[in-house]
Amino acid sequence: MYWTSSSGRIELKITKAQSMQGSHQGQCDSDILQLSQVPAIRRQLNKVDPDLLREELKQYGAWEDEELLDHAQNLQRILWLACCDIVEGL
């Protein structure tokens, strides 16, 4: 499945099963970390521009500017958001 950010500038291809692994009740952090290490997902995340990602996440209003300076964490955040959006759309 393809996920596109609200701005349309970030796209990720994630399977339905992977999305369900990354979006469920309770803490998803370890599942998202594991998903981010899947080679196909890791390659996609490595292509995401840090500034663009920061701008995208800032629109959610869920993180302070200081928090958004951590690109590695931002990649985890965007992957989690993508999984959540896909699961909600099923």
N, C-alpha and C. Protein backbone atom coordinates (compact mmCIF):
# COMPACT_ATOMS: atom_id res chain seq x y z
N MET A 1 0.85 -1.17 0.00
CA MET A 1 0.00 0.00 0.00
C MET A 1 0.90 1.24 0.00
N TYR A 2 0.38 2.29 -0.62
CA TYR A 2 1.11 3.54 -0.64
C TYR A 2 0.48 4.52 0.34
N TRP A 3 1.33 5.22 1.06
CA TRP A 3 0.90 6.28 1.95
C TRP A 3 1.56 7.56 1.50
N THR A 4 0.79 8.64 1.49
CA THR A 4 1.31 9.95 1.12
C THR A 4 1.00 10.92 2.26
N SER A 5 1.98 11.72 2.62
CA SER A 5 1.78 12.70 3.68
C SER A 5 0.74 13.73 3.25
N SER A 6 0.25 14.50 4.21
CA SER A 6 -0.79 15.48 3.91
C SER A 6 -0.33 16.52 2.89
N SER A 7 0.95 16.81 2.87
CA SER A 7 1.48 17.77 1.89
C SER A 7 1.73 17.11 0.54
N GLY A 8 1.73 15.78 0.53
CA GLY A 8 2.00 15.06 -0.71
C GLY A 8 3.47 14.97 -1.05
N ARG A 9 4.33 15.41 -0.14
CA ARG A 9 5.76 15.43 -0.45
C ARG A 9 6.54 14.25 0.11
N ILE A 10 5.89 13.43 0.92
CA ILE A 10 6.54 12.23 1.44
C ILE A 10 5.63 11.04 1.12
N GLU A 11 6.22 10.03 0.51
CA GLU A 11 5.48 8.82 0.17
C GLU A 11 6.23 7.61 0.71
N LEU A 12 5.46 6.65 1.21
CA LEU A 12 6.03 5.40 1.69
C LEU A 12 5.19 4.25 1.17
N LYS A 13 5.85 3.17 0.83
CA LYS A 13 5.17 1.95 0.42
C LYS A 13 5.33 0.96 1.57
N ILE A 14 4.18 0.57 2.14
CA ILE A 14 4.15 -0.30 3.31
C ILE A 14 3.05 -1.33 3.10
N THR A 15 3.31 -2.57 3.41
CA THR A 15 2.27 -3.58 3.25
C THR A 15 1.20 -3.42 4.32
N LYS A 16 0.06 -4.01 4.07
CA LYS A 16 -1.04 -3.99 5.04
C LYS A 16 -0.59 -4.63 6.35
N ALA A 17 0.08 -5.77 6.26
CA ALA A 17 0.56 -6.47 7.46
C ALA A 17 1.55 -5.61 8.24
N GLN A 18 2.45 -4.93 7.53
CA GLN A 18 3.43 -4.07 8.20
C GLN A 18 2.71 -2.91 8.89
N SER A 19 1.71 -2.36 8.23
CA SER A 19 0.95 -1.25 8.83
C SER A 19 0.27 -1.69 10.10
N MET A 20 -0.28 -2.88 10.09
CA MET A 20 -0.96 -3.40 11.27
C MET A 20 0.04 -3.68 12.39
N GLN A 21 1.25 -4.07 12.04
CA GLN A 21 2.29 -4.29 13.04
C GLN A 21 2.67 -2.97 13.70
N GLY A 22 2.65 -1.89 12.95
CA GLY A 22 3.08 -0.59 13.47
C GLY A 22 1.99 0.26 14.07
N SER A 23 0.75 -0.19 13.98
CA SER A 23 -0.36 0.59 14.52
C SER A 23 -1.33 -0.34 15.23
N HIS A 24 -1.33 -0.27 16.52
CA HIS A 24 -2.19 -1.12 17.34
C HIS A 24 -2.36 -0.48 18.71
N GLN A 25 -3.19 -1.05 19.54
CA GLN A 25 -3.36 -0.53 20.89
C GLN A 25 -2.06 -0.69 21.67
N GLY A 26 -1.82 0.23 22.56
CA GLY A 26 -0.61 0.16 23.38
C GLY A 26 0.58 0.80 22.70
N GLN A 27 1.72 0.61 23.30
CA GLN A 27 2.97 1.17 22.78
C GLN A 27 3.35 0.51 21.46
N CYS A 28 3.70 1.33 20.50
CA CYS A 28 4.10 0.83 19.18
C CYS A 28 5.59 1.07 18.90
N ASP A 29 6.28 1.71 19.84
CA ASP A 29 7.66 2.13 19.60
C ASP A 29 8.57 1.00 19.13
N SER A 30 8.54 -0.12 19.80
CA SER A 30 9.45 -1.21 19.43
C SER A 30 9.06 -1.81 18.08
N ASP A 31 7.77 -1.86 17.79
CA ASP A 31 7.33 -2.38 16.50
C ASP A 31 7.73 -1.43 15.37
N ILE A 32 7.60 -0.15 15.61
CA ILE A 32 7.99 0.84 14.60
C ILE A 32 9.50 0.78 14.38
N LEU A 33 10.27 0.65 15.44
CA LEU A 33 11.72 0.52 15.30
C LEU A 33 12.06 -0.71 14.45
N GLN A 34 11.41 -1.81 14.74
CA GLN A 34 11.65 -3.04 13.98
C GLN A 34 11.27 -2.85 12.50
N LEU A 35 10.13 -2.23 12.25
CA LEU A 35 9.70 -1.98 10.87
C LEU A 35 10.70 -1.07 10.14
N SER A 36 11.22 -0.08 10.84
CA SER A 36 12.15 0.86 10.21
C SER A 36 13.45 0.19 9.78
N GLN A 37 13.70 -1.01 10.29
CA GLN A 37 14.92 -1.73 9.93
C GLN A 37 14.71 -2.73 8.81
N VAL A 38 13.45 -2.89 8.37
CA VAL A 38 13.18 -3.73 7.21
C VAL A 38 13.83 -3.05 6.00
N PRO A 39 14.66 -3.76 5.25
CA PRO A 39 15.41 -3.11 4.17
C PRO A 39 14.59 -2.22 3.23
N ALA A 40 13.45 -2.68 2.78
CA ALA A 40 12.64 -1.89 1.85
C ALA A 40 12.14 -0.60 2.49
N ILE A 41 11.79 -0.65 3.76
CA ILE A 41 11.33 0.54 4.47
C ILE A 41 12.51 1.44 4.80
N ARG A 42 13.60 0.85 5.24
CA ARG A 42 14.80 1.63 5.58
C ARG A 42 15.28 2.44 4.38
N ARG A 43 15.27 1.82 3.19
CA ARG A 43 15.70 2.54 1.97
C ARG A 43 14.81 3.76 1.71
N GLN A 44 13.52 3.60 1.92
CA GLN A 44 12.60 4.72 1.71
C GLN A 44 12.83 5.83 2.73
N LEU A 45 12.98 5.45 3.98
CA LEU A 45 13.19 6.43 5.03
C LEU A 45 14.51 7.18 4.83
N ASN A 46 15.53 6.48 4.35
CA ASN A 46 16.83 7.13 4.12
C ASN A 46 16.77 8.23 3.07
N LYS A 47 15.75 8.21 2.23
CA LYS A 47 15.60 9.21 1.17
C LYS A 47 14.83 10.45 1.62
N VAL A 48 14.25 10.41 2.81
CA VAL A 48 13.43 11.53 3.29
C VAL A 48 14.33 12.66 3.77
N ASP A 49 14.12 13.83 3.19
CA ASP A 49 14.89 15.02 3.54
C ASP A 49 14.55 15.46 4.97
N PRO A 50 15.56 15.66 5.82
CA PRO A 50 15.31 16.04 7.22
C PRO A 50 14.48 17.32 7.38
N ASP A 51 14.77 18.35 6.58
CA ASP A 51 14.03 19.60 6.70
C ASP A 51 12.57 19.43 6.28
N LEU A 52 12.36 18.72 5.22
CA LEU A 52 11.01 18.45 4.74
C LEU A 52 10.22 17.66 5.78
N LEU A 53 10.86 16.67 6.36
CA LEU A 53 10.21 15.84 7.37
C LEU A 53 9.86 16.67 8.60
N ARG A 54 10.75 17.52 9.01
CA ARG A 54 10.51 18.39 10.17
C ARG A 54 9.29 19.28 9.90
N GLU A 55 9.24 19.86 8.69
CA GLU A 55 8.10 20.71 8.32
C GLU A 55 6.80 19.92 8.34
N GLU A 56 6.84 18.72 7.81
CA GLU A 56 5.65 17.87 7.76
C GLU A 56 5.15 17.56 9.17
N LEU A 57 6.04 17.16 10.05
CA LEU A 57 5.65 16.79 11.41
C LEU A 57 5.19 18.00 12.22
N LYS A 58 5.77 19.15 11.93
CA LYS A 58 5.39 20.36 12.66
C LYS A 58 3.91 20.67 12.46
N GLN A 59 3.37 20.31 11.29
CA GLN A 59 1.96 20.56 10.99
C GLN A 59 1.02 19.80 11.94
N TYR A 60 1.49 18.72 12.50
CA TYR A 60 0.66 17.94 13.41
C TYR A 60 0.49 18.63 14.76
N GLY A 61 1.43 19.50 15.12
CA GLY A 61 1.34 20.22 16.38
C GLY A 61 1.54 19.35 17.61
N ALA A 62 2.09 18.17 17.43
CA ALA A 62 2.26 17.23 18.53
C ALA A 62 3.64 17.26 19.15
N TRP A 63 4.58 17.92 18.47
CA TRP A 63 5.96 17.91 18.95
C TRP A 63 6.50 19.33 18.98
N GLU A 64 7.32 19.60 19.97
CA GLU A 64 7.98 20.90 20.10
C GLU A 64 9.13 20.98 19.10
N ASP A 65 9.54 22.21 18.79
CA ASP A 65 10.64 22.42 17.84
C ASP A 65 11.90 21.65 18.25
N GLU A 66 12.20 21.65 19.55
CA GLU A 66 13.37 20.92 20.05
C GLU A 66 13.30 19.44 19.71
N GLU A 67 12.13 18.86 19.90
CA GLU A 67 11.93 17.43 19.64
C GLU A 67 12.13 17.12 18.15
N LEU A 68 11.73 18.05 17.30
CA LEU A 68 11.80 17.82 15.86
C LEU A 68 13.21 17.95 15.29
N LEU A 69 14.18 18.26 16.13
CA LEU A 69 15.57 18.33 15.68
C LEU A 69 16.20 16.95 15.52
N ASP A 70 15.58 15.94 16.09
CA ASP A 70 16.10 14.57 16.06
C ASP A 70 15.56 13.84 14.83
N HIS A 71 16.36 13.82 13.76
CA HIS A 71 15.90 13.23 12.50
C HIS A 71 15.58 11.74 12.63
N ALA A 72 16.38 11.01 13.37
CA ALA A 72 16.13 9.58 13.54
C ALA A 72 14.78 9.35 14.20
N GLN A 73 14.46 10.15 15.20
CA GLN A 73 13.17 10.03 15.87
C GLN A 73 12.04 10.48 14.95
N ASN A 74 12.30 11.49 14.15
CA ASN A 74 11.29 11.96 13.20
C ASN A 74 10.93 10.87 12.19
N LEU A 75 11.92 10.10 11.79
CA LEU A 75 11.65 9.00 10.87
C LEU A 75 10.74 7.96 11.52
N GLN A 76 10.95 7.73 12.81
CA GLN A 76 10.09 6.81 13.54
C GLN A 76 8.66 7.37 13.61
N ARG A 77 8.58 8.67 13.84
CA ARG A 77 7.27 9.32 13.94
C ARG A 77 6.49 9.22 12.63
N ILE A 78 7.16 9.52 11.52
CA ILE A 78 6.45 9.51 10.24
C ILE A 78 6.04 8.09 9.85
N LEU A 79 6.86 7.12 10.18
CA LEU A 79 6.50 5.73 9.89
C LEU A 79 5.29 5.33 10.73
N TRP A 80 5.26 5.71 11.99
CA TRP A 80 4.11 5.42 12.85
C TRP A 80 2.85 6.09 12.32
N LEU A 81 2.96 7.35 11.91
CA LEU A 81 1.80 8.06 11.37
C LEU A 81 1.29 7.38 10.10
N ALA A 82 2.22 6.95 9.25
CA ALA A 82 1.83 6.27 8.02
C ALA A 82 1.09 4.98 8.34
N CYS A 83 1.62 4.21 9.25
CA CYS A 83 0.96 2.95 9.65
C CYS A 83 -0.44 3.22 10.20
N CYS A 84 -0.56 4.21 11.05
CA CYS A 84 -1.86 4.56 11.64
C CYS A 84 -2.86 4.96 10.56
N ASP A 85 -2.43 5.81 9.63
CA ASP A 85 -3.32 6.24 8.57
C ASP A 85 -3.79 5.08 7.70
N ILE A 86 -2.88 4.19 7.38
CA ILE A 86 -3.23 3.03 6.55
C ILE A 86 -4.22 2.13 7.28
N VAL A 87 -3.94 1.83 8.55
CA VAL A 87 -4.82 0.96 9.33
C VAL A 87 -6.20 1.60 9.48
N GLU A 88 -6.25 2.89 9.74
CA GLU A 88 -7.54 3.57 9.89
C GLU A 88 -8.33 3.55 8.58
N GLY A 89 -7.62 3.52 7.45
CA GLY A 89 -8.28 3.51 6.15
C GLY A 89 -8.76 2.15 5.71
N LEU A 90 -8.41 1.11 6.44
CA LEU A 90 -8.80 -0.25 6.03
C LEU A 90 -10.24 -0.55 6.37
